[in-house]
Amino acid sequence: YISRFQEPGDIEAEFAQSGTERVLKEFLTYRNPGPLYLP
């Protein structure tokens, strides 16, 4: 996720497709102890 966050506008465009509320719920409910990947 931190690698994916680097390119300005890139992940923002994907978040826009998912919708703000959904993105926030995905983050806030994330409970996997492993690393977060966002292919």
Full PDB file with SEQRES, HELIX, SHEET, SSBOND, CRYST1, ORIGX, SCALE, CONECT and MASTER records, all heavy atoms in Angstrom:
SEQRES   1 A   39  TYR ILE SER ARG PHE GLN GLU PRO GLY ASP ILE GLU ALA          
SEQRES   2 A   39  GLU PHE ALA GLN SER GLY THR GLU ARG VAL LEU LYS GLU          
SEQRES   3 A   39  PHE LEU THR TYR ARG ASN PRO GLY PRO LEU TYR LEU PRO          
HELIX    1 AA1 ASP A   10  SER A   18  1                                   9    
HELIX    2 AA2 THR A   20  LEU A   28  1                                   9    
CRYST1    1.000    1.000    1.000  90.00  90.00  90.00 P 1           1          
ORIGX1      1.000000  0.000000  0.000000        0.00000                         
ORIGX2      0.000000  1.000000  0.000000        0.00000                         
ORIGX3      0.000000  0.000000  1.000000        0.00000                         
SCALE1      1.000000  0.000000  0.000000        0.00000                         
SCALE2      0.000000  1.000000  0.000000        0.00000                         
SCALE3      0.000000  0.000000  1.000000        0.00000                         
ATOM      1  N   TYR A   1       0.810  -1.228   0.000  1.00  0.00           N  
ATOM      2  CA  TYR A   1       0.000   0.000   0.000  1.00  0.00           C  
ATOM      3  C   TYR A   1       0.841   1.276   0.000  1.00  0.00           C  
ATOM      4  O   TYR A   1       0.520   2.238  -0.706  1.00  0.00           O  
ATOM      5  CB  TYR A   1      -1.025  -0.015   1.148  1.00  0.00           C  
ATOM      6  CG  TYR A   1      -0.482   0.299   2.529  1.00  0.00           C  
ATOM      7  CD1 TYR A   1      -0.728   1.528   3.135  1.00  0.00           C  
ATOM      8  CD2 TYR A   1       0.261  -0.647   3.242  1.00  0.00           C  
ATOM      9  CE1 TYR A   1      -0.253   1.813   4.400  1.00  0.00           C  
ATOM     10  CE2 TYR A   1       0.731  -0.374   4.506  1.00  0.00           C  
ATOM     11  CZ  TYR A   1       0.482   0.865   5.090  1.00  0.00           C  
ATOM     12  OH  TYR A   1       0.964   1.136   6.344  1.00  0.00           O  
ATOM     13  N   ILE A   2       1.956   1.296   0.731  1.00  0.00           N  
ATOM     14  CA  ILE A   2       2.781   2.510   0.767  1.00  0.00           C  
ATOM     15  C   ILE A   2       3.451   2.741  -0.591  1.00  0.00           C  
ATOM     16  O   ILE A   2       3.580   3.886  -1.044  1.00  0.00           O  
ATOM     17  CB  ILE A   2       3.819   2.441   1.909  1.00  0.00           C  
ATOM     18  CG1 ILE A   2       3.090   2.482   3.266  1.00  0.00           C  
ATOM     19  CG2 ILE A   2       4.820   3.593   1.812  1.00  0.00           C  
ATOM     20  CD1 ILE A   2       3.987   2.329   4.489  1.00  0.00           C  
ATOM     21  N   SER A   3       3.845   1.662  -1.274  1.00  0.00           N  
ATOM     22  CA  SER A   3       4.398   1.793  -2.633  1.00  0.00           C  
ATOM     23  C   SER A   3       3.329   2.355  -3.581  1.00  0.00           C  
ATOM     24  O   SER A   3       3.605   3.240  -4.395  1.00  0.00           O  
ATOM     25  CB  SER A   3       4.879   0.435  -3.158  1.00  0.00           C  
ATOM     26  OG  SER A   3       5.775  -0.184  -2.261  1.00  0.00           O  
ATOM     27  N   ARG A   4       2.097   1.841  -3.460  1.00  0.00           N  
ATOM     28  CA  ARG A   4       1.001   2.289  -4.323  1.00  0.00           C  
ATOM     29  C   ARG A   4       0.601   3.743  -4.078  1.00  0.00           C  
ATOM     30  O   ARG A   4       0.049   4.405  -4.948  1.00  0.00           O  
ATOM     31  CB  ARG A   4      -0.234   1.387  -4.130  1.00  0.00           C  
ATOM     32  CG  ARG A   4      -0.137  -0.013  -4.694  1.00  0.00           C  
ATOM     33  CD  ARG A   4       0.008  -0.090  -6.199  1.00  0.00           C  
ATOM     34  NE  ARG A   4      -0.747   0.909  -6.941  1.00  0.00           N  
ATOM     35  CZ  ARG A   4      -2.049   0.850  -7.212  1.00  0.00           C  
ATOM     36  NH1 ARG A   4      -2.775  -0.164  -6.793  1.00  0.00           N  
ATOM     37  NH2 ARG A   4      -2.632   1.792  -7.895  1.00  0.00           N  
ATOM     38  N   PHE A   5       0.871   4.242  -2.872  1.00  0.00           N  
ATOM     39  CA  PHE A   5       0.492   5.615  -2.521  1.00  0.00           C  
ATOM     40  C   PHE A   5       1.448   6.661  -3.103  1.00  0.00           C  
ATOM     41  O   PHE A   5       1.176   7.858  -3.009  1.00  0.00           O  
ATOM     42  CB  PHE A   5       0.489   5.793  -0.991  1.00  0.00           C  
ATOM     43  CG  PHE A   5      -0.673   5.150  -0.282  1.00  0.00           C  
ATOM     44  CD1 PHE A   5      -0.758   5.204   1.107  1.00  0.00           C  
ATOM     45  CD2 PHE A   5      -1.682   4.504  -0.970  1.00  0.00           C  
ATOM     46  CE1 PHE A   5      -1.826   4.625   1.788  1.00  0.00           C  
ATOM     47  CE2 PHE A   5      -2.761   3.907  -0.305  1.00  0.00           C  
ATOM     48  CZ  PHE A   5      -2.823   3.976   1.087  1.00  0.00           C  
ATOM     49  N   GLN A   6       2.565   6.233  -3.702  1.00  0.00           N  
ATOM     50  CA  GLN A   6       3.611   7.198  -4.041  1.00  0.00           C  
ATOM     51  C   GLN A   6       3.297   8.075  -5.258  1.00  0.00           C  
ATOM     52  O   GLN A   6       3.610   9.254  -5.274  1.00  0.00           O  
ATOM     53  CB  GLN A   6       4.953   6.475  -4.255  1.00  0.00           C  
ATOM     54  CG  GLN A   6       5.507   5.843  -2.992  1.00  0.00           C  
ATOM     55  CD  GLN A   6       5.589   6.815  -1.826  1.00  0.00           C  
ATOM     56  OE1 GLN A   6       6.101   7.932  -1.974  1.00  0.00           O  
ATOM     57  NE2 GLN A   6       5.057   6.417  -0.683  1.00  0.00           N  
ATOM     58  N   GLU A   7       2.699   7.502  -6.290  1.00  0.00           N  
ATOM     59  CA  GLU A   7       2.487   8.238  -7.545  1.00  0.00           C  
ATOM     60  C   GLU A   7       1.277   9.172  -7.400  1.00  0.00           C  
ATOM     61  O   GLU A   7       0.148   8.702  -7.259  1.00  0.00           O  
ATOM     62  CB  GLU A   7       2.239   7.242  -8.691  1.00  0.00           C  
ATOM     63  CG  GLU A   7       2.085   7.859 -10.055  1.00  0.00           C  
ATOM     64  CD  GLU A   7       3.282   8.696 -10.494  1.00  0.00           C  
ATOM     65  OE1 GLU A   7       4.436   8.280 -10.255  1.00  0.00           O  
ATOM     66  OE2 GLU A   7       3.049   9.776 -11.070  1.00  0.00           O  
ATOM     67  N   PRO A   8       1.494  10.497  -7.420  1.00  0.00           N  
ATOM     68  CA  PRO A   8       0.374  11.417  -7.202  1.00  0.00           C  
ATOM     69  C   PRO A   8      -0.768  11.173  -8.200  1.00  0.00           C  
ATOM     70  O   PRO A   8      -0.546  11.061  -9.400  1.00  0.00           O  
ATOM     71  CB  PRO A   8       0.999  12.800  -7.408  1.00  0.00           C  
ATOM     72  CG  PRO A   8       2.447  12.612  -7.098  1.00  0.00           C  
ATOM     73  CD  PRO A   8       2.779  11.220  -7.569  1.00  0.00           C  
ATOM     74  N   GLY A   9      -1.962  11.061  -7.662  1.00  0.00           N  
ATOM     75  CA  GLY A   9      -3.149  10.904  -8.511  1.00  0.00           C  
ATOM     76  C   GLY A   9      -3.498   9.472  -8.848  1.00  0.00           C  
ATOM     77  O   GLY A   9      -4.643   9.171  -9.211  1.00  0.00           O  
ATOM     78  N   ASP A  10      -2.548   8.567  -8.736  1.00  0.00           N  
ATOM     79  CA  ASP A  10      -2.743   7.180  -9.172  1.00  0.00           C  
ATOM     80  C   ASP A  10      -3.760   6.454  -8.281  1.00  0.00           C  
ATOM     81  O   ASP A  10      -4.812   6.006  -8.744  1.00  0.00           O  
ATOM     82  CB  ASP A  10      -1.382   6.460  -9.169  1.00  0.00           C  
ATOM     83  CG  ASP A  10      -1.500   5.026  -9.677  1.00  0.00           C  
ATOM     84  OD1 ASP A  10      -2.357   4.782 -10.539  1.00  0.00           O  
ATOM     85  OD2 ASP A  10      -0.732   4.163  -9.208  1.00  0.00           O  
ATOM     86  N   ILE A  11      -3.449   6.366  -6.994  1.00  0.00           N  
ATOM     87  CA  ILE A  11      -4.354   5.654  -6.087  1.00  0.00           C  
ATOM     88  C   ILE A  11      -5.635   6.461  -5.874  1.00  0.00           C  
ATOM     89  O   ILE A  11      -6.712   5.899  -5.664  1.00  0.00           O  
ATOM     90  CB  ILE A  11      -3.659   5.309  -4.748  1.00  0.00           C  
ATOM     91  CG1 ILE A  11      -4.409   4.192  -4.002  1.00  0.00           C  
ATOM     92  CG2 ILE A  11      -3.517   6.531  -3.862  1.00  0.00           C  
ATOM     93  CD1 ILE A  11      -4.189   2.806  -4.562  1.00  0.00           C  
ATOM     94  N   GLU A  12      -5.529   7.802  -5.963  1.00  0.00           N  
ATOM     95  CA  GLU A  12      -6.730   8.635  -5.832  1.00  0.00           C  
ATOM     96  C   GLU A  12      -7.768   8.268  -6.892  1.00  0.00           C  
ATOM     97  O   GLU A  12      -8.975   8.224  -6.604  1.00  0.00           O  
ATOM     98  CB  GLU A  12      -6.393  10.127  -5.969  1.00  0.00           C  
ATOM     99  CG  GLU A  12      -5.677  10.733  -4.779  1.00  0.00           C  
ATOM    100  CD  GLU A  12      -4.176  10.751  -4.913  1.00  0.00           C  
ATOM    101  OE1 GLU A  12      -3.626   9.816  -5.554  1.00  0.00           O  
ATOM    102  OE2 GLU A  12      -3.543  11.683  -4.404  1.00  0.00           O  
ATOM    103  N   ALA A  13      -7.303   8.001  -8.114  1.00  0.00           N  
ATOM    104  CA  ALA A  13      -8.229   7.638  -9.194  1.00  0.00           C  
ATOM    105  C   ALA A  13      -8.923   6.315  -8.881  1.00  0.00           C  
ATOM    106  O   ALA A  13     -10.130   6.152  -9.123  1.00  0.00           O  
ATOM    107  CB  ALA A  13      -7.485   7.548 -10.524  1.00  0.00           C  
ATOM    108  N   GLU A  14      -8.169   5.366  -8.326  1.00  0.00           N  
ATOM    109  CA  GLU A  14      -8.778   4.085  -7.948  1.00  0.00           C  
ATOM    110  C   GLU A  14      -9.764   4.251  -6.793  1.00  0.00           C  
ATOM    111  O   GLU A  14     -10.834   3.642  -6.776  1.00  0.00           O  
ATOM    112  CB  GLU A  14      -7.690   3.072  -7.584  1.00  0.00           C  
ATOM    113  CG  GLU A  14      -6.873   2.637  -8.791  1.00  0.00           C  
ATOM    114  CD  GLU A  14      -6.071   1.371  -8.529  1.00  0.00           C  
ATOM    115  OE1 GLU A  14      -6.423   0.608  -7.610  1.00  0.00           O  
ATOM    116  OE2 GLU A  14      -5.095   1.147  -9.259  1.00  0.00           O  
ATOM    117  N   PHE A  15      -9.391   5.082  -5.819  1.00  0.00           N  
ATOM    118  CA  PHE A  15     -10.304   5.340  -4.697  1.00  0.00           C  
ATOM    119  C   PHE A  15     -11.591   5.994  -5.194  1.00  0.00           C  
ATOM    120  O   PHE A  15     -12.681   5.705  -4.688  1.00  0.00           O  
ATOM    121  CB  PHE A  15      -9.631   6.240  -3.649  1.00  0.00           C  
ATOM    122  CG  PHE A  15      -8.594   5.538  -2.803  1.00  0.00           C  
ATOM    123  CD1 PHE A  15      -7.817   6.257  -1.897  1.00  0.00           C  
ATOM    124  CD2 PHE A  15      -8.397   4.160  -2.884  1.00  0.00           C  
ATOM    125  CE1 PHE A  15      -6.867   5.627  -1.099  1.00  0.00           C  
ATOM    126  CE2 PHE A  15      -7.439   3.523  -2.087  1.00  0.00           C  
ATOM    127  CZ  PHE A  15      -6.675   4.260  -1.202  1.00  0.00           C  
ATOM    128  N   ALA A  16     -11.464   6.879  -6.195  1.00  0.00           N  
ATOM    129  CA  ALA A  16     -12.652   7.548  -6.738  1.00  0.00           C  
ATOM    130  C   ALA A  16     -13.610   6.539  -7.367  1.00  0.00           C  
ATOM    131  O   ALA A  16     -14.833   6.669  -7.263  1.00  0.00           O  
ATOM    132  CB  ALA A  16     -12.236   8.602  -7.755  1.00  0.00           C  
ATOM    133  N   GLN A  17     -13.054   5.511  -8.011  1.00  0.00           N  
ATOM    134  CA  GLN A  17     -13.898   4.476  -8.620  1.00  0.00           C  
ATOM    135  C   GLN A  17     -14.625   3.657  -7.557  1.00  0.00           C  
ATOM    136  O   GLN A  17     -15.774   3.273  -7.731  1.00  0.00           O  
ATOM    137  CB  GLN A  17     -13.054   3.549  -9.496  1.00  0.00           C  
ATOM    138  CG  GLN A  17     -12.654   4.191 -10.815  1.00  0.00           C  
ATOM    139  CD  GLN A  17     -11.881   3.221 -11.695  1.00  0.00           C  
ATOM    140  OE1 GLN A  17     -10.995   2.518 -11.218  1.00  0.00           O  
ATOM    141  NE2 GLN A  17     -12.214   3.173 -12.964  1.00  0.00           N  
ATOM    142  N   SER A  18     -13.934   3.383  -6.444  1.00  0.00           N  
ATOM    143  CA  SER A  18     -14.557   2.603  -5.364  1.00  0.00           C  
ATOM    144  C   SER A  18     -15.581   3.427  -4.601  1.00  0.00           C  
ATOM    145  O   SER A  18     -16.560   2.890  -4.089  1.00  0.00           O  
ATOM    146  CB  SER A  18     -13.495   2.112  -4.380  1.00  0.00           C  
ATOM    147  OG  SER A  18     -12.593   1.243  -5.012  1.00  0.00           O  
ATOM    148  N   GLY A  19     -15.331   4.735  -4.496  1.00  0.00           N  
ATOM    149  CA  GLY A  19     -16.199   5.610  -3.707  1.00  0.00           C  
ATOM    150  C   GLY A  19     -15.614   5.854  -2.328  1.00  0.00           C  
ATOM    151  O   GLY A  19     -15.067   4.941  -1.706  1.00  0.00           O  
ATOM    152  N   THR A  20     -15.746   7.097  -1.870  1.00  0.00           N  
ATOM    153  CA  THR A  20     -15.111   7.522  -0.616  1.00  0.00           C  
ATOM    154  C   THR A  20     -15.521   6.656   0.565  1.00  0.00           C  
ATOM    155  O   THR A  20     -14.675   6.175   1.334  1.00  0.00           O  
ATOM    156  CB  THR A  20     -15.488   8.988  -0.315  1.00  0.00           C  
ATOM    157  OG1 THR A  20     -15.067   9.785  -1.427  1.00  0.00           O  
ATOM    158  CG2 THR A  20     -14.823   9.490   0.946  1.00  0.00           C  
ATOM    159  N   GLU A  21     -16.825   6.446   0.717  1.00  0.00           N  
ATOM    160  CA  GLU A  21     -17.305   5.721   1.897  1.00  0.00           C  
ATOM    161  C   GLU A  21     -16.786   4.286   1.918  1.00  0.00           C  
ATOM    162  O   GLU A  21     -16.349   3.780   2.955  1.00  0.00           O  
ATOM    163  CB  GLU A  21     -18.841   5.720   1.927  1.00  0.00           C  
ATOM    164  CG  GLU A  21     -19.395   5.153   3.216  1.00  0.00           C  
ATOM    165  CD  GLU A  21     -20.923   5.181   3.255  1.00  0.00           C  
ATOM    166  OE1 GLU A  21     -21.527   6.069   2.616  1.00  0.00           O  
ATOM    167  OE2 GLU A  21     -21.485   4.303   3.918  1.00  0.00           O  
ATOM    168  N   ARG A  22     -16.766   3.661   0.752  1.00  0.00           N  
ATOM    169  CA  ARG A  22     -16.289   2.279   0.686  1.00  0.00           C  
ATOM    170  C   ARG A  22     -14.797   2.188   1.036  1.00  0.00           C  
ATOM    171  O   ARG A  22     -14.371   1.286   1.765  1.00  0.00           O  
ATOM    172  CB  ARG A  22     -16.543   1.690  -0.698  1.00  0.00           C  
ATOM    173  CG  ARG A  22     -16.066   0.253  -0.747  1.00  0.00           C  
ATOM    174  CD  ARG A  22     -16.487  -0.553  -1.939  1.00  0.00           C  
ATOM    175  NE  ARG A  22     -16.125  -1.938  -1.684  1.00  0.00           N  
ATOM    176  CZ  ARG A  22     -16.952  -2.856  -1.193  1.00  0.00           C  
ATOM    177  NH1 ARG A  22     -18.202  -2.553  -0.929  1.00  0.00           N  
ATOM    178  NH2 ARG A  22     -16.535  -4.087  -0.969  1.00  0.00           N  
ATOM    179  N   VAL A  23     -14.015   3.109   0.521  1.00  0.00           N  
ATOM    180  CA  VAL A  23     -12.570   3.107   0.806  1.00  0.00           C  
ATOM    181  C   VAL A  23     -12.330   3.241   2.311  1.00  0.00           C  
ATOM    182  O   VAL A  23     -11.531   2.508   2.906  1.00  0.00           O  
ATOM    183  CB  VAL A  23     -11.861   4.244   0.032  1.00  0.00           C  
ATOM    184  CG1 VAL A  23     -10.426   4.420   0.513  1.00  0.00           C  
ATOM    185  CG2 VAL A  23     -11.893   3.962  -1.466  1.00  0.00           C  
ATOM    186  N   LEU A  24     -13.055   4.163   2.936  1.00  0.00           N  
ATOM    187  CA  LEU A  24     -12.895   4.362   4.377  1.00  0.00           C  
ATOM    188  C   LEU A  24     -13.293   3.112   5.156  1.00  0.00           C  
ATOM    189  O   LEU A  24     -12.598   2.703   6.090  1.00  0.00           O  
ATOM    190  CB  LEU A  24     -13.725   5.563   4.832  1.00  0.00           C  
ATOM    191  CG  LEU A  24     -13.155   6.909   4.365  1.00  0.00           C  
ATOM    192  CD1 LEU A  24     -14.206   8.005   4.480  1.00  0.00           C  
ATOM    193  CD2 LEU A  24     -11.907   7.289   5.161  1.00  0.00           C  
ATOM    194  N   LYS A  25     -14.401   2.494   4.764  1.00  0.00           N  
ATOM    195  CA  LYS A  25     -14.831   1.265   5.445  1.00  0.00           C  
ATOM    196  C   LYS A  25     -13.807   0.144   5.259  1.00  0.00           C  
ATOM    197  O   LYS A  25     -13.543  -0.633   6.193  1.00  0.00           O  
ATOM    198  CB  LYS A  25     -16.200   0.826   4.924  1.00  0.00           C  
ATOM    199  CG  LYS A  25     -17.354   1.648   5.456  1.00  0.00           C  
ATOM    200  CD  LYS A  25     -18.682   1.141   4.890  1.00  0.00           C  
ATOM    201  CE  LYS A  25     -19.868   1.899   5.493  1.00  0.00           C  
ATOM    202  NZ  LYS A  25     -21.152   1.474   4.895  1.00  0.00           N  
ATOM    203  N   GLU A  26     -13.210   0.048   4.069  1.00  0.00           N  
ATOM    204  CA  GLU A  26     -12.180  -0.980   3.826  1.00  0.00           C  
ATOM    205  C   GLU A  26     -10.995  -0.783   4.776  1.00  0.00           C  
ATOM    206  O   GLU A  26     -10.487  -1.744   5.364  1.00  0.00           O  
ATOM    207  CB  GLU A  26     -11.699  -0.926   2.375  1.00  0.00           C  
ATOM    208  CG  GLU A  26     -12.728  -1.388   1.352  1.00  0.00           C  
ATOM    209  CD  GLU A  26     -12.747  -2.906   1.153  1.00  0.00           C  
ATOM    210  OE1 GLU A  26     -12.245  -3.642   2.019  1.00  0.00           O  
ATOM    211  OE2 GLU A  26     -13.296  -3.342   0.113  1.00  0.00           O  
ATOM    212  N   PHE A  27     -10.545   0.466   4.917  1.00  0.00           N  
ATOM    213  CA  PHE A  27      -9.419   0.733   5.819  1.00  0.00           C  
ATOM    214  C   PHE A  27      -9.794   0.477   7.278  1.00  0.00           C  
ATOM    215  O   PHE A  27      -9.073  -0.190   8.014  1.00  0.00           O  
ATOM    216  CB  PHE A  27      -8.948   2.184   5.678  1.00  0.00           C  
ATOM    217  CG  PHE A  27      -7.997   2.419   4.543  1.00  0.00           C  
ATOM    218  CD1 PHE A  27      -8.318   3.290   3.507  1.00  0.00           C  
ATOM    219  CD2 PHE A  27      -6.757   1.794   4.501  1.00  0.00           C  
ATOM    220  CE1 PHE A  27      -7.437   3.513   2.460  1.00  0.00           C  
ATOM    221  CE2 PHE A  27      -5.863   2.011   3.457  1.00  0.00           C  
ATOM    222  CZ  PHE A  27      -6.212   2.880   2.440  1.00  0.00           C  
ATOM    223  N   LEU A  28     -10.930   1.027   7.686  1.00  0.00           N  
ATOM    224  CA  LEU A  28     -11.302   0.971   9.099  1.00  0.00           C  
ATOM    225  C   LEU A  28     -11.625  -0.444   9.573  1.00  0.00           C  
ATOM    226  O   LEU A  28     -11.502  -0.749  10.759  1.00  0.00           O  
ATOM    227  CB  LEU A  28     -12.487   1.906   9.373  1.00  0.00           C  
ATOM    228  CG  LEU A  28     -12.175   3.410   9.268  1.00  0.00           C  
ATOM    229  CD1 LEU A  28     -13.455   4.232   9.243  1.00  0.00           C  
ATOM    230  CD2 LEU A  28     -11.280   3.872  10.417  1.00  0.00           C  
ATOM    231  N   THR A  29     -12.041  -1.313   8.644  1.00  0.00           N  
ATOM    232  CA  THR A  29     -12.384  -2.691   9.040  1.00  0.00           C  
ATOM    233  C   THR A  29     -11.249  -3.680   8.747  1.00  0.00           C  
ATOM    234  O   THR A  29     -11.410  -4.879   8.953  1.00  0.00           O  
ATOM    235  CB  THR A  29     -13.657  -3.173   8.313  1.00  0.00           C  
ATOM    236  OG1 THR A  29     -13.436  -3.138   6.898  1.00  0.00           O  
ATOM    237  CG2 THR A  29     -14.852  -2.295   8.651  1.00  0.00           C  
ATOM    238  N   TYR A  30     -10.098  -3.193   8.281  1.00  0.00           N  
ATOM    239  CA  TYR A  30      -8.980  -4.082   7.932  1.00  0.00           C  
ATOM    240  C   TYR A  30      -8.419  -4.728   9.198  1.00  0.00           C  
ATOM    241  O   TYR A  30      -7.992  -4.033  10.121  1.00  0.00           O  
ATOM    242  CB  TYR A  30      -7.888  -3.281   7.213  1.00  0.00           C  
ATOM    243  CG  TYR A  30      -6.763  -4.138   6.682  1.00  0.00           C  
ATOM    244  CD1 TYR A  30      -6.901  -4.799   5.467  1.00  0.00           C  
ATOM    245  CD2 TYR A  30      -5.569  -4.287   7.379  1.00  0.00           C  
ATOM    246  CE1 TYR A  30      -5.870  -5.601   4.964  1.00  0.00           C  
ATOM    247  CE2 TYR A  30      -4.538  -5.079   6.885  1.00  0.00           C  
ATOM    248  CZ  TYR A  30      -4.701  -5.729   5.677  1.00  0.00           C  
ATOM    249  OH  TYR A  30      -3.689  -6.516   5.189  1.00  0.00           O  
ATOM    250  N   ARG A  31      -8.447  -6.054   9.256  1.00  0.00           N  
ATOM    251  CA  ARG A  31      -7.967  -6.755  10.454  1.00  0.00           C  
ATOM    252  C   ARG A  31      -6.963  -7.862  10.150  1.00  0.00           C  
ATOM    253  O   ARG A  31      -6.653  -8.688  11.003  1.00  0.00           O  
ATOM    254  CB  ARG A  31      -9.155  -7.368  11.205  1.00  0.00           C  
ATOM    255  CG  ARG A  31      -9.920  -6.365  12.019  1.00  0.00           C  
ATOM    256  CD  ARG A  31     -11.063  -7.019  12.736  1.00  0.00           C  
ATOM    257  NE  ARG A  31     -10.627  -7.816  13.882  1.00  0.00           N  
ATOM    258  CZ  ARG A  31     -10.231  -7.314  15.034  1.00  0.00           C  
ATOM    259  NH1 ARG A  31     -10.177  -6.030  15.218  1.00  0.00           N  
ATOM    260  NH2 ARG A  31      -9.871  -8.118  16.018  1.00  0.00           N  
ATOM    261  N   ASN A  32      -6.461  -7.889   8.949  1.00  0.00           N  
ATOM    262  CA  ASN A  32      -5.483  -8.907   8.591  1.00  0.00           C  
ATOM    263  C   ASN A  32      -4.124  -8.495   9.161  1.00  0.00           C  
ATOM    264  O   ASN A  32      -3.636  -7.415   8.843  1.00  0.00           O  
ATOM    265  CB  ASN A  32      -5.430  -8.993   7.056  1.00  0.00           C  
ATOM    266  CG  ASN A  32      -4.399  -9.986   6.566  1.00  0.00           C  
ATOM    267  OD1 ASN A  32      -3.624 -10.516   7.344  1.00  0.00           O  
ATOM    268  ND2 ASN A  32      -4.385 -10.216   5.268  1.00  0.00           N  
ATOM    269  N   PRO A  33      -3.505  -9.329  10.008  1.00  0.00           N  
ATOM    270  CA  PRO A  33      -2.202  -8.936  10.571  1.00  0.00           C  
ATOM    271  C   PRO A  33      -1.080  -8.876   9.532  1.00  0.00           C  
ATOM    272  O   PRO A  33      -0.016  -8.332   9.810  1.00  0.00           O  
ATOM    273  CB  PRO A  33      -1.926  -9.999  11.635  1.00  0.00           C  
ATOM    274  CG  PRO A  33      -2.812 -11.150  11.309  1.00  0.00           C  
ATOM    275  CD  PRO A  33      -3.988 -10.611  10.563  1.00  0.00           C  
ATOM    276  N   GLY A  34      -1.326  -9.441   8.350  1.00  0.00           N  
ATOM    277  CA  GLY A  34      -0.309  -9.384   7.303  1.00  0.00           C  
ATOM    278  C   GLY A  34      -0.287  -8.029   6.618  1.00  0.00           C  
ATOM    279  O   GLY A  34      -1.134  -7.177   6.870  1.00  0.00           O  
ATOM    280  N   PRO A  35       0.692  -7.801   5.746  1.00  0.00           N  
ATOM    281  CA  PRO A  35       0.808  -6.511   5.065  1.00  0.00           C  
ATOM    282  C   PRO A  35      -0.385  -6.245   4.147  1.00  0.00           C  
ATOM    283  O   PRO A  35      -1.015  -7.169   3.641  1.00  0.00           O  
ATOM    284  CB  PRO A  35       2.110  -6.629   4.265  1.00  0.00           C  
ATOM    285  CG  PRO A  35       2.461  -8.075   4.235  1.00  0.00           C  
ATOM    286  CD  PRO A  35       1.775  -8.732   5.383  1.00  0.00           C  
ATOM    287  N   LEU A  36      -0.668  -4.965   3.949  1.00  0.00           N  
ATOM    288  CA  LEU A  36      -1.790  -4.545   3.104  1.00  0.00           C  
ATOM    289  C   LEU A  36      -1.286  -4.329   1.676  1.00  0.00           C  
ATOM    290  O   LEU A  36      -0.407  -3.499   1.439  1.00  0.00           O  
ATOM    291  CB  LEU A  36      -2.400  -3.254   3.661  1.00  0.00           C  
ATOM    292  CG  LEU A  36      -3.462  -2.545   2.824  1.00  0.00           C  
ATOM    293  CD1 LEU A  36      -4.648  -3.468   2.535  1.00  0.00           C  
ATOM    294  CD2 LEU A  36      -3.944  -1.289   3.541  1.00  0.00           C  
ATOM    295  N   TYR A  37      -1.833  -5.109   0.753  1.00  0.00           N  
ATOM    296  CA  TYR A  37      -1.487  -4.968  -0.660  1.00  0.00           C  
ATOM    297  C   TYR A  37      -2.686  -4.413  -1.425  1.00  0.00           C  
ATOM    298  O   TYR A  37      -3.829  -4.807  -1.167  1.00  0.00           O  
ATOM    299  CB  TYR A  37      -1.086  -6.321  -1.255  1.00  0.00           C  
ATOM    300  CG  TYR A  37       0.216  -6.858  -0.708  1.00  0.00           C  
ATOM    301  CD1 TYR A  37       0.236  -7.899   0.216  1.00  0.00           C  
ATOM    302  CD2 TYR A  37       1.432  -6.298  -1.111  1.00  0.00           C  
ATOM    303  CE1 TYR A  37       1.436  -8.383   0.733  1.00  0.00           C  
ATOM    304  CE2 TYR A  37       2.635  -6.780  -0.594  1.00  0.00           C  
ATOM    305  CZ  TYR A  37       2.630  -7.818   0.317  1.00  0.00           C  
ATOM    306  OH  TYR A  37       3.815  -8.276   0.835  1.00  0.00           O  
ATOM    307  N   LEU A  38      -2.416  -3.494  -2.338  1.00  0.00           N  
ATOM    308  CA  LEU A  38      -3.470  -2.896  -3.169  1.00  0.00           C  
ATOM    309  C   LEU A  38      -3.056  -3.005  -4.639  1.00  0.00           C  
ATOM    310  O   LEU A  38      -2.649  -2.019  -5.250  1.00  0.00           O  
ATOM    311  CB  LEU A  38      -3.674  -1.420  -2.786  1.00  0.00           C  
ATOM    312  CG  LEU A  38      -4.136  -1.121  -1.361  1.00  0.00           C  
ATOM    313  CD1 LEU A  38      -4.104   0.378  -1.085  1.00  0.00           C  
ATOM    314  CD2 LEU A  38      -5.531  -1.681  -1.116  1.00  0.00           C  
ATOM    315  N   PRO A  39      -3.143  -4.227  -5.220  1.00  0.00           N  
ATOM    316  CA  PRO A  39      -2.705  -4.395  -6.608  1.00  0.00           C  
ATOM    317  C   PRO A  39      -3.485  -3.461  -7.542  1.00  0.00           C  
ATOM    318  O   PRO A  39      -4.681  -3.239  -7.343  1.00  0.00           O  
ATOM    319  CB  PRO A  39      -3.027  -5.862  -6.917  1.00  0.00           C  
ATOM    320  CG  PRO A  39      -3.222  -6.516  -5.598  1.00  0.00           C  
ATOM    321  CD  PRO A  39      -3.690  -5.459  -4.649  1.00  0.00           C  
TER     322      PRO A  39                                                      
MASTER        0    0    0    2    0    0    0    6  321    1    0    3          
END                                                                             
